[in-house]
């Protein structure tokens, strides 16, 4: 089957996820910069999550650009990824509203790890459908960034109970890796 519907659906879901995240931002009570200070955890989490969702959207856009068709397995793998991405507004708000407490930081990282697993499943399904010697396979390569990201997310989840700030730094580092 063609890929147009899955691309359009994915774009729509990602747009809704980002919209829900921005709606979580509350207008500060006050008219000077000091009114913004208490909001920094929520805003920081929004920026980090916006970047992460944007990375997935960019990767999905590029990935679907290289394929010619999809099948039911690819559709379900994509739905799996979109499901975990759709939890991003909740885990983002949980971490930000609780000022980076260990459990919310771990939950956020767990969602990121599940997004990474789901993305890897989607890559595997597309590689199976299209073969190893295709534009898609060459574009994805060995997906070193994806594997490194997943390993770092798992480490960050575990570390969040020892020092949640190290975990937050790892989440920022992983996002930065995708710009290299």
N, C-alpha and C. Protein backbone atom coordinates (compact mmCIF):
# COMPACT_ATOMS: atom_id res chain seq x y z
N UNK A 1 0.83 -1.18 0.00
CA UNK A 1 0.00 0.00 0.00
C UNK A 1 0.88 1.24 0.00
N UNK A 2 0.30 2.34 -0.40
CA UNK A 2 1.06 3.59 -0.47
C UNK A 2 1.37 4.13 0.91
N UNK A 3 2.27 5.07 0.96
CA UNK A 3 2.73 5.61 2.24
C UNK A 3 2.08 6.94 2.60
N UNK A 4 1.30 7.52 1.68
CA UNK A 4 0.75 8.86 1.88
C UNK A 4 -0.10 9.00 3.13
N UNK A 5 -0.96 8.03 3.38
CA UNK A 5 -1.84 8.14 4.55
C UNK A 5 -1.07 8.05 5.85
N UNK A 6 -0.08 7.16 5.91
CA UNK A 6 0.68 7.04 7.15
C UNK A 6 1.50 8.31 7.40
N UNK A 7 2.02 8.92 6.35
CA UNK A 7 2.75 10.18 6.51
C UNK A 7 1.83 11.28 7.02
N UNK A 8 0.66 11.40 6.42
CA UNK A 8 -0.28 12.45 6.82
C UNK A 8 -0.76 12.23 8.26
N UNK A 9 -1.07 10.98 8.59
CA UNK A 9 -1.52 10.66 9.94
C UNK A 9 -0.43 10.97 10.96
N UNK A 10 0.78 10.57 10.66
CA UNK A 10 1.91 10.81 11.55
C UNK A 10 2.13 12.30 11.76
N UNK A 11 2.11 13.07 10.68
CA UNK A 11 2.26 14.53 10.80
C UNK A 11 1.17 15.12 11.68
N UNK A 12 -0.07 14.65 11.51
CA UNK A 12 -1.17 15.16 12.31
C UNK A 12 -1.02 14.83 13.79
N UNK A 13 -0.64 13.61 14.09
CA UNK A 13 -0.47 13.20 15.48
C UNK A 13 0.66 14.00 16.13
N UNK A 14 1.76 14.15 15.44
CA UNK A 14 2.89 14.93 15.99
C UNK A 14 2.47 16.37 16.23
N UNK A 15 1.71 16.96 15.32
CA UNK A 15 1.24 18.34 15.50
C UNK A 15 0.34 18.45 16.74
N UNK A 16 -0.51 17.46 16.95
CA UNK A 16 -1.39 17.47 18.11
C UNK A 16 -0.57 17.31 19.39
N UNK A 17 0.42 16.44 19.38
CA UNK A 17 1.28 16.25 20.57
C UNK A 17 1.94 17.57 20.96
N UNK A 18 2.49 18.27 19.99
CA UNK A 18 3.16 19.53 20.27
C UNK A 18 2.15 20.58 20.76
N UNK A 19 0.96 20.58 20.17
CA UNK A 19 -0.07 21.52 20.60
C UNK A 19 -0.48 21.27 22.04
N UNK A 20 -0.66 20.01 22.40
CA UNK A 20 -1.03 19.68 23.78
C UNK A 20 0.08 20.12 24.74
N UNK A 21 1.32 19.92 24.36
CA UNK A 21 2.43 20.32 25.23
C UNK A 21 2.44 21.83 25.46
N UNK A 22 2.23 22.60 24.42
CA UNK A 22 2.28 24.06 24.59
C UNK A 22 1.08 24.56 25.40
N UNK A 23 -0.03 23.85 25.33
CA UNK A 23 -1.20 24.25 26.12
C UNK A 23 -0.97 24.03 27.62
N UNK A 24 0.00 23.22 27.97
CA UNK A 24 0.35 23.00 29.38
C UNK A 24 1.08 24.20 29.98
N UNK A 25 1.64 25.06 29.13
CA UNK A 25 2.33 26.25 29.64
C UNK A 25 1.30 27.25 30.14
N UNK A 26 1.50 27.71 31.34
CA UNK A 26 0.57 28.66 31.96
C UNK A 26 1.15 30.07 31.92
N UNK A 27 0.27 31.01 31.77
CA UNK A 27 0.68 32.42 31.76
C UNK A 27 1.10 32.80 33.17
N UNK A 28 2.26 33.46 33.31
CA UNK A 28 2.71 33.84 34.65
C UNK A 28 1.83 34.93 35.25
N UNK A 29 1.77 34.93 36.58
CA UNK A 29 1.01 35.96 37.30
C UNK A 29 1.99 37.04 37.74
N UNK A 30 2.03 38.08 36.98
CA UNK A 30 2.96 39.18 37.24
C UNK A 30 3.38 39.79 35.93
N UNK A 31 3.95 40.98 36.04
CA UNK A 31 4.27 41.70 34.81
C UNK A 31 5.76 41.93 34.61
N UNK A 32 6.57 41.31 35.43
CA UNK A 32 8.00 41.49 35.24
C UNK A 32 8.68 40.12 35.08
N UNK A 33 10.00 40.17 34.86
CA UNK A 33 10.73 38.93 34.61
C UNK A 33 10.73 37.98 35.80
N UNK A 34 10.59 38.51 36.99
CA UNK A 34 10.59 37.66 38.18
C UNK A 34 9.38 36.72 38.19
N UNK A 35 8.32 37.09 37.49
CA UNK A 35 7.14 36.22 37.41
C UNK A 35 7.42 34.98 36.55
N UNK A 36 8.42 35.07 35.68
CA UNK A 36 8.77 33.94 34.83
C UNK A 36 9.63 32.90 35.55
N UNK A 37 10.36 33.34 36.56
CA UNK A 37 11.31 32.45 37.23
C UNK A 37 10.69 31.15 37.76
N UNK A 38 9.54 31.19 38.42
CA UNK A 38 8.97 29.93 38.92
C UNK A 38 8.56 28.96 37.80
N UNK A 39 8.44 29.46 36.59
CA UNK A 39 8.00 28.63 35.47
C UNK A 39 9.14 27.94 34.74
N UNK A 40 10.39 28.21 35.12
CA UNK A 40 11.52 27.67 34.35
C UNK A 40 11.50 26.15 34.25
N UNK A 41 11.14 25.39 35.29
CA UNK A 41 11.17 23.93 35.11
C UNK A 41 10.18 23.45 34.03
N UNK A 42 9.00 24.02 34.04
CA UNK A 42 7.98 23.64 33.06
C UNK A 42 8.42 24.05 31.65
N UNK A 43 8.95 25.25 31.52
CA UNK A 43 9.39 25.73 30.21
C UNK A 43 10.57 24.92 29.70
N UNK A 44 11.52 24.63 30.57
CA UNK A 44 12.68 23.82 30.18
C UNK A 44 12.21 22.44 29.68
N UNK A 45 11.30 21.82 30.42
CA UNK A 45 10.79 20.51 30.02
C UNK A 45 10.05 20.59 28.68
N UNK A 46 9.31 21.66 28.48
CA UNK A 46 8.63 21.86 27.20
C UNK A 46 9.63 21.95 26.06
N UNK A 47 10.67 22.75 26.24
CA UNK A 47 11.68 22.91 25.18
C UNK A 47 12.35 21.56 24.89
N UNK A 48 12.75 20.85 25.93
CA UNK A 48 13.39 19.55 25.75
C UNK A 48 12.47 18.57 25.02
N UNK A 49 11.22 18.53 25.41
CA UNK A 49 10.28 17.62 24.77
C UNK A 49 9.94 18.05 23.35
N UNK A 50 9.81 19.35 23.13
CA UNK A 50 9.57 19.85 21.77
C UNK A 50 10.71 19.39 20.86
N UNK A 51 11.94 19.51 21.35
CA UNK A 51 13.10 19.08 20.55
C UNK A 51 13.03 17.58 20.30
N UNK A 52 12.72 16.80 21.34
CA UNK A 52 12.66 15.35 21.17
C UNK A 52 11.56 14.93 20.18
N UNK A 53 10.39 15.50 20.31
CA UNK A 53 9.31 15.19 19.37
C UNK A 53 9.72 15.64 17.97
N UNK A 54 10.35 16.80 17.88
CA UNK A 54 10.84 17.29 16.58
C UNK A 54 11.87 16.36 15.95
N UNK A 55 12.73 15.79 16.76
CA UNK A 55 13.72 14.83 16.25
C UNK A 55 13.01 13.62 15.66
N UNK A 56 12.03 13.10 16.38
CA UNK A 56 11.29 11.95 15.85
C UNK A 56 10.55 12.33 14.57
N UNK A 57 9.91 13.50 14.56
CA UNK A 57 9.19 13.90 13.35
C UNK A 57 10.16 14.02 12.18
N UNK A 58 11.30 14.64 12.40
CA UNK A 58 12.29 14.80 11.35
C UNK A 58 12.77 13.43 10.85
N UNK A 59 13.07 12.54 11.78
CA UNK A 59 13.53 11.20 11.39
C UNK A 59 12.44 10.44 10.62
N UNK A 60 11.20 10.55 11.09
CA UNK A 60 10.10 9.88 10.38
C UNK A 60 9.90 10.47 8.99
N UNK A 61 9.98 11.79 8.90
CA UNK A 61 9.84 12.45 7.60
C UNK A 61 10.90 11.94 6.62
N UNK A 62 12.14 11.94 7.07
CA UNK A 62 13.24 11.48 6.21
C UNK A 62 13.12 10.00 5.89
N UNK A 63 12.71 9.22 6.88
CA UNK A 63 12.58 7.79 6.67
C UNK A 63 11.48 7.49 5.65
N UNK A 64 10.31 8.06 5.83
CA UNK A 64 9.22 7.79 4.90
C UNK A 64 9.49 8.36 3.51
N UNK A 65 10.34 9.36 3.44
CA UNK A 65 10.72 9.90 2.13
C UNK A 65 11.49 8.87 1.30
N UNK A 66 12.21 7.97 1.99
CA UNK A 66 13.04 7.00 1.28
C UNK A 66 12.32 5.70 0.95
N UNK A 67 11.11 5.52 1.45
CA UNK A 67 10.40 4.27 1.17
C UNK A 67 9.29 4.50 0.15
N UNK A 68 8.93 3.43 -0.52
CA UNK A 68 7.90 3.51 -1.55
C UNK A 68 6.55 3.00 -1.08
N UNK A 69 6.57 2.08 -0.11
CA UNK A 69 5.32 1.47 0.32
C UNK A 69 5.42 1.08 1.80
N UNK A 70 4.27 0.80 2.36
CA UNK A 70 4.19 0.30 3.74
C UNK A 70 3.25 -0.89 3.74
N UNK A 71 3.31 -1.65 4.82
CA UNK A 71 2.36 -2.76 4.98
C UNK A 71 1.77 -2.68 6.38
N UNK A 72 0.94 -3.65 6.73
CA UNK A 72 0.29 -3.64 8.03
C UNK A 72 1.26 -3.64 9.19
N UNK A 73 2.36 -4.36 9.06
CA UNK A 73 3.36 -4.40 10.14
C UNK A 73 3.99 -3.02 10.34
N UNK A 74 4.26 -2.32 9.26
CA UNK A 74 4.82 -0.97 9.36
C UNK A 74 3.80 -0.02 9.98
N UNK A 75 2.54 -0.15 9.57
CA UNK A 75 1.51 0.72 10.14
C UNK A 75 1.41 0.54 11.66
N UNK A 76 1.41 -0.71 12.11
CA UNK A 76 1.31 -0.97 13.55
C UNK A 76 2.57 -0.54 14.29
N UNK A 77 3.72 -0.73 13.68
CA UNK A 77 4.97 -0.27 14.30
C UNK A 77 4.96 1.25 14.43
N UNK A 78 4.45 1.94 13.42
CA UNK A 78 4.33 3.40 13.48
C UNK A 78 3.34 3.82 14.56
N UNK A 79 2.22 3.10 14.65
CA UNK A 79 1.24 3.40 15.70
C UNK A 79 1.84 3.21 17.08
N UNK A 80 2.66 2.18 17.23
CA UNK A 80 3.35 1.94 18.51
C UNK A 80 4.21 3.15 18.87
N UNK A 81 4.99 3.64 17.92
CA UNK A 81 5.82 4.81 18.16
C UNK A 81 4.96 6.02 18.50
N UNK A 82 3.90 6.24 17.75
CA UNK A 82 3.04 7.39 18.01
C UNK A 82 2.37 7.30 19.39
N UNK A 83 2.06 6.08 19.82
CA UNK A 83 1.48 5.91 21.16
C UNK A 83 2.44 6.43 22.22
N UNK A 84 3.70 5.98 22.17
CA UNK A 84 4.67 6.40 23.19
C UNK A 84 4.97 7.89 23.07
N UNK A 85 5.01 8.40 21.84
CA UNK A 85 5.19 9.85 21.67
C UNK A 85 4.01 10.62 22.24
N UNK A 86 2.81 10.06 22.14
CA UNK A 86 1.62 10.76 22.62
C UNK A 86 1.61 10.90 24.15
N UNK A 87 2.43 10.11 24.83
CA UNK A 87 2.54 10.26 26.29
C UNK A 87 3.50 11.38 26.67
N UNK A 88 4.21 11.92 25.70
CA UNK A 88 5.19 12.97 25.96
C UNK A 88 4.57 14.19 26.68
N UNK A 89 3.38 14.66 26.32
CA UNK A 89 2.83 15.80 27.07
C UNK A 89 2.62 15.49 28.56
N UNK A 90 2.23 14.26 28.86
CA UNK A 90 1.98 13.87 30.25
C UNK A 90 3.29 13.77 31.02
N UNK A 91 4.26 13.07 30.44
CA UNK A 91 5.53 12.89 31.15
C UNK A 91 6.30 14.21 31.24
N UNK A 92 6.13 15.06 30.25
CA UNK A 92 6.76 16.38 30.28
C UNK A 92 6.19 17.21 31.42
N UNK A 93 4.87 17.27 31.50
CA UNK A 93 4.23 18.04 32.57
C UNK A 93 4.56 17.45 33.94
N UNK A 94 4.57 16.12 34.04
CA UNK A 94 4.88 15.45 35.30
C UNK A 94 6.27 15.85 35.79
N UNK A 95 7.25 15.84 34.90
CA UNK A 95 8.61 16.20 35.28
C UNK A 95 8.72 17.69 35.62
N UNK A 96 8.13 18.54 34.80
CA UNK A 96 8.25 19.98 35.01
C UNK A 96 7.49 20.47 36.22
N UNK A 97 6.27 20.01 36.39
CA UNK A 97 5.44 20.45 37.52
C UNK A 97 6.01 19.97 38.86
N UNK A 98 6.77 18.90 38.83
CA UNK A 98 7.35 18.36 40.06
C UNK A 98 8.83 18.72 40.20
N UNK A 99 9.25 19.70 39.43
CA UNK A 99 10.59 20.29 39.56
C UNK A 99 11.70 19.25 39.56
N UNK A 100 11.61 18.32 38.61
CA UNK A 100 12.67 17.34 38.37
C UNK A 100 12.89 16.39 39.55
N UNK A 101 11.82 16.03 40.23
CA UNK A 101 11.92 15.03 41.29
C UNK A 101 12.32 13.69 40.66
N UNK A 102 12.96 12.81 41.42
CA UNK A 102 13.49 11.57 40.84
C UNK A 102 12.48 10.70 40.09
N UNK A 103 11.32 10.46 40.65
CA UNK A 103 10.35 9.58 39.98
C UNK A 103 9.85 10.20 38.67
N UNK A 104 9.43 11.47 38.65
CA UNK A 104 9.03 12.04 37.36
C UNK A 104 10.16 12.05 36.32
N UNK A 105 11.39 12.26 36.76
CA UNK A 105 12.52 12.22 35.82
C UNK A 105 12.68 10.82 35.26
N UNK A 106 12.51 9.80 36.11
CA UNK A 106 12.59 8.42 35.65
C UNK A 106 11.44 8.08 34.70
N UNK A 107 10.24 8.53 35.01
CA UNK A 107 9.08 8.26 34.14
C UNK A 107 9.28 8.91 32.78
N UNK A 108 9.79 10.13 32.77
CA UNK A 108 10.08 10.82 31.51
C UNK A 108 11.09 10.01 30.69
N UNK A 109 12.15 9.57 31.33
CA UNK A 109 13.17 8.77 30.65
C UNK A 109 12.64 7.43 30.17
N UNK A 110 11.75 6.84 30.96
CA UNK A 110 11.15 5.57 30.55
C UNK A 110 10.34 5.76 29.27
N UNK A 111 9.61 6.86 29.20
CA UNK A 111 8.86 7.16 27.97
C UNK A 111 9.81 7.38 26.80
N UNK A 112 10.90 8.11 27.02
CA UNK A 112 11.88 8.31 25.96
C UNK A 112 12.46 6.96 25.50
N UNK A 113 12.75 6.09 26.46
CA UNK A 113 13.30 4.77 26.11
C UNK A 113 12.29 3.96 25.29
N UNK A 114 11.03 4.02 25.67
CA UNK A 114 10.02 3.28 24.92
C UNK A 114 9.82 3.87 23.52
N UNK A 115 9.94 5.18 23.39
CA UNK A 115 9.91 5.80 22.06
C UNK A 115 11.07 5.27 21.22
N UNK A 116 12.25 5.18 21.83
CA UNK A 116 13.43 4.69 21.10
C UNK A 116 13.26 3.23 20.69
N UNK A 117 12.71 2.42 21.58
CA UNK A 117 12.45 1.00 21.23
C UNK A 117 11.46 0.93 20.08
N UNK A 118 10.38 1.71 20.18
CA UNK A 118 9.36 1.70 19.14
C UNK A 118 9.93 2.17 17.80
N UNK A 119 10.78 3.18 17.84
CA UNK A 119 11.42 3.65 16.61
C UNK A 119 12.27 2.54 16.00
N UNK A 120 13.03 1.84 16.83
CA UNK A 120 13.85 0.73 16.33
C UNK A 120 12.99 -0.38 15.72
N UNK A 121 11.86 -0.65 16.33
CA UNK A 121 10.95 -1.66 15.77
C UNK A 121 10.47 -1.21 14.40
N UNK A 122 10.12 0.07 14.27
CA UNK A 122 9.67 0.59 12.98
C UNK A 122 10.77 0.47 11.93
N UNK A 123 12.00 0.79 12.29
CA UNK A 123 13.13 0.65 11.36
C UNK A 123 13.27 -0.81 10.92
N UNK A 124 13.16 -1.73 11.87
CA UNK A 124 13.29 -3.16 11.54
C UNK A 124 12.19 -3.58 10.58
N UNK A 125 10.97 -3.15 10.82
CA UNK A 125 9.85 -3.52 9.94
C UNK A 125 10.03 -2.93 8.54
N UNK A 126 10.49 -1.69 8.47
CA UNK A 126 10.72 -1.09 7.15
C UNK A 126 11.89 -1.76 6.43
N UNK A 127 12.93 -2.11 7.16
CA UNK A 127 14.07 -2.79 6.55
C UNK A 127 13.64 -4.17 6.04
N UNK A 128 12.81 -4.85 6.79
CA UNK A 128 12.30 -6.16 6.38
C UNK A 128 11.46 -6.04 5.11
N UNK A 129 10.65 -5.00 5.02
CA UNK A 129 9.79 -4.79 3.86
C UNK A 129 10.58 -4.38 2.62
N UNK A 130 11.59 -3.55 2.80
CA UNK A 130 12.30 -2.98 1.65
C UNK A 130 13.63 -3.63 1.32
N UNK A 131 14.19 -4.37 2.25
CA UNK A 131 15.45 -5.05 1.97
C UNK A 131 16.67 -4.25 2.39
N UNK A 132 17.80 -4.93 2.35
CA UNK A 132 19.05 -4.35 2.84
C UNK A 132 19.74 -3.45 1.83
N UNK A 133 19.46 -3.60 0.58
CA UNK A 133 20.15 -2.83 -0.47
C UNK A 133 19.22 -1.80 -1.09
N UNK A 134 18.64 -0.95 -0.24
CA UNK A 134 17.70 0.07 -0.73
C UNK A 134 18.12 1.44 -0.23
N UNK A 135 17.49 2.45 -0.78
CA UNK A 135 17.74 3.82 -0.33
C UNK A 135 17.44 3.93 1.16
N UNK A 136 16.35 3.30 1.59
CA UNK A 136 16.00 3.34 3.01
C UNK A 136 17.11 2.74 3.87
N UNK A 137 17.56 1.55 3.52
CA UNK A 137 18.59 0.87 4.31
C UNK A 137 19.88 1.68 4.36
N UNK A 138 20.23 2.28 3.25
CA UNK A 138 21.44 3.11 3.23
C UNK A 138 21.26 4.38 4.07
N UNK A 139 20.08 4.95 4.03
CA UNK A 139 19.82 6.17 4.80
C UNK A 139 19.86 5.89 6.31
N UNK A 140 19.29 4.78 6.72
CA UNK A 140 19.26 4.45 8.14
C UNK A 140 20.61 3.93 8.61
N UNK A 141 21.29 3.20 7.74
CA UNK A 141 22.59 2.64 8.12
C UNK A 141 22.46 1.68 9.28
N UNK A 142 23.40 1.75 10.19
CA UNK A 142 23.37 0.89 11.38
C UNK A 142 22.66 1.57 12.55
N UNK A 143 22.20 2.79 12.35
CA UNK A 143 21.45 3.55 13.35
C UNK A 143 22.18 3.64 14.68
N UNK A 144 23.44 4.03 14.62
CA UNK A 144 24.24 4.15 15.83
C UNK A 144 23.63 5.14 16.82
N UNK A 145 23.13 6.26 16.31
CA UNK A 145 22.54 7.26 17.21
C UNK A 145 21.34 6.68 17.95
N UNK A 146 20.54 5.90 17.25
CA UNK A 146 19.38 5.29 17.89
C UNK A 146 19.77 4.32 18.99
N UNK A 147 20.79 3.52 18.74
CA UNK A 147 21.25 2.55 19.74
C UNK A 147 21.89 3.25 20.93
N UNK A 148 22.68 4.27 20.67
CA UNK A 148 23.31 5.03 21.75
C UNK A 148 22.23 5.74 22.58
N UNK A 149 21.24 6.31 21.90
CA UNK A 149 20.16 7.01 22.59
C UNK A 149 19.44 6.07 23.55
N UNK A 150 19.08 4.90 23.07
CA UNK A 150 18.37 3.94 23.91
C UNK A 150 19.20 3.55 25.13
N UNK A 151 20.47 3.26 24.93
CA UNK A 151 21.34 2.88 26.05
C UNK A 151 21.43 4.01 27.07
N UNK A 152 21.56 5.25 26.58
CA UNK A 152 21.65 6.39 27.49
C UNK A 152 20.33 6.63 28.23
N UNK A 153 19.21 6.44 27.55
CA UNK A 153 17.92 6.60 28.23
C UNK A 153 17.77 5.59 29.37
N UNK A 154 18.15 4.35 29.11
CA UNK A 154 18.05 3.32 30.15
C UNK A 154 18.96 3.68 31.32
N UNK A 155 20.17 4.10 31.01
CA UNK A 155 21.10 4.50 32.08
C UNK A 155 20.52 5.67 32.87
N UNK A 156 19.93 6.63 32.18
CA UNK A 156 19.38 7.81 32.85
C UNK A 156 18.21 7.44 33.76
N UNK A 157 17.37 6.52 33.32
CA UNK A 157 16.26 6.08 34.18
C UNK A 157 16.81 5.50 35.48
N UNK A 158 17.79 4.65 35.38
CA UNK A 158 18.38 4.05 36.58
C UNK A 158 19.08 5.08 37.45
N UNK A 159 19.79 6.00 36.81
CA UNK A 159 20.52 7.03 37.55
C UNK A 159 19.61 8.06 38.22
N UNK A 160 18.39 8.18 37.73
CA UNK A 160 17.49 9.21 38.27
C UNK A 160 17.23 9.03 39.76
N UNK A 161 17.36 7.81 40.25
CA UNK A 161 17.13 7.57 41.67
C UNK A 161 18.37 7.87 42.52
N UNK A 162 19.52 8.02 41.86
CA UNK A 162 20.75 8.42 42.56
C UNK A 162 20.96 9.92 42.46
N UNK A 163 20.78 10.46 41.24
CA UNK A 163 20.93 11.89 41.01
C UNK A 163 20.15 12.25 39.75
N UNK A 164 18.98 12.81 39.95
CA UNK A 164 18.10 13.11 38.81
C UNK A 164 18.70 14.16 37.87
N UNK A 165 19.61 14.99 38.36
CA UNK A 165 20.20 16.02 37.50
C UNK A 165 21.13 15.41 36.46
N UNK A 166 21.79 14.32 36.82
CA UNK A 166 22.60 13.60 35.83
C UNK A 166 21.68 13.06 34.74
N UNK A 167 20.54 12.55 35.14
CA UNK A 167 19.58 12.02 34.15
C UNK A 167 19.08 13.11 33.21
N UNK A 168 18.74 14.26 33.78
CA UNK A 168 18.29 15.39 32.94
C UNK A 168 19.40 15.79 31.97
N UNK A 169 20.63 15.82 32.46
CA UNK A 169 21.76 16.15 31.59
C UNK A 169 21.91 15.12 30.47
N UNK A 170 21.66 13.86 30.78
CA UNK A 170 21.72 12.82 29.74
C UNK A 170 20.63 13.04 28.71
N UNK A 171 19.43 13.40 29.14
CA UNK A 171 18.35 13.66 28.18
C UNK A 171 18.72 14.81 27.24
N UNK A 172 19.35 15.83 27.78
CA UNK A 172 19.81 16.96 26.94
C UNK A 172 20.91 16.49 26.00
N UNK A 173 21.84 15.70 26.52
CA UNK A 173 22.93 15.17 25.70
C UNK A 173 22.40 14.34 24.53
N UNK A 174 21.44 13.47 24.81
CA UNK A 174 20.89 12.64 23.74
C UNK A 174 20.25 13.52 22.66
N UNK A 175 19.50 14.52 23.07
CA UNK A 175 18.90 15.42 22.08
C UNK A 175 19.99 16.10 21.25
N UNK A 176 21.06 16.52 21.91
CA UNK A 176 22.16 17.19 21.21
C UNK A 176 22.85 16.26 20.22
N UNK A 177 22.92 14.98 20.54
CA UNK A 177 23.56 14.00 19.63
C UNK A 177 22.89 14.03 18.26
N UNK A 178 21.58 14.23 18.24
CA UNK A 178 20.84 14.18 16.98
C UNK A 178 21.08 15.40 16.10
N UNK A 179 21.74 16.41 16.64
CA UNK A 179 22.08 17.59 15.83
C UNK A 179 23.50 17.51 15.29
N UNK A 180 24.23 16.48 15.70
CA UNK A 180 25.62 16.32 15.26
C UNK A 180 25.69 15.66 13.89
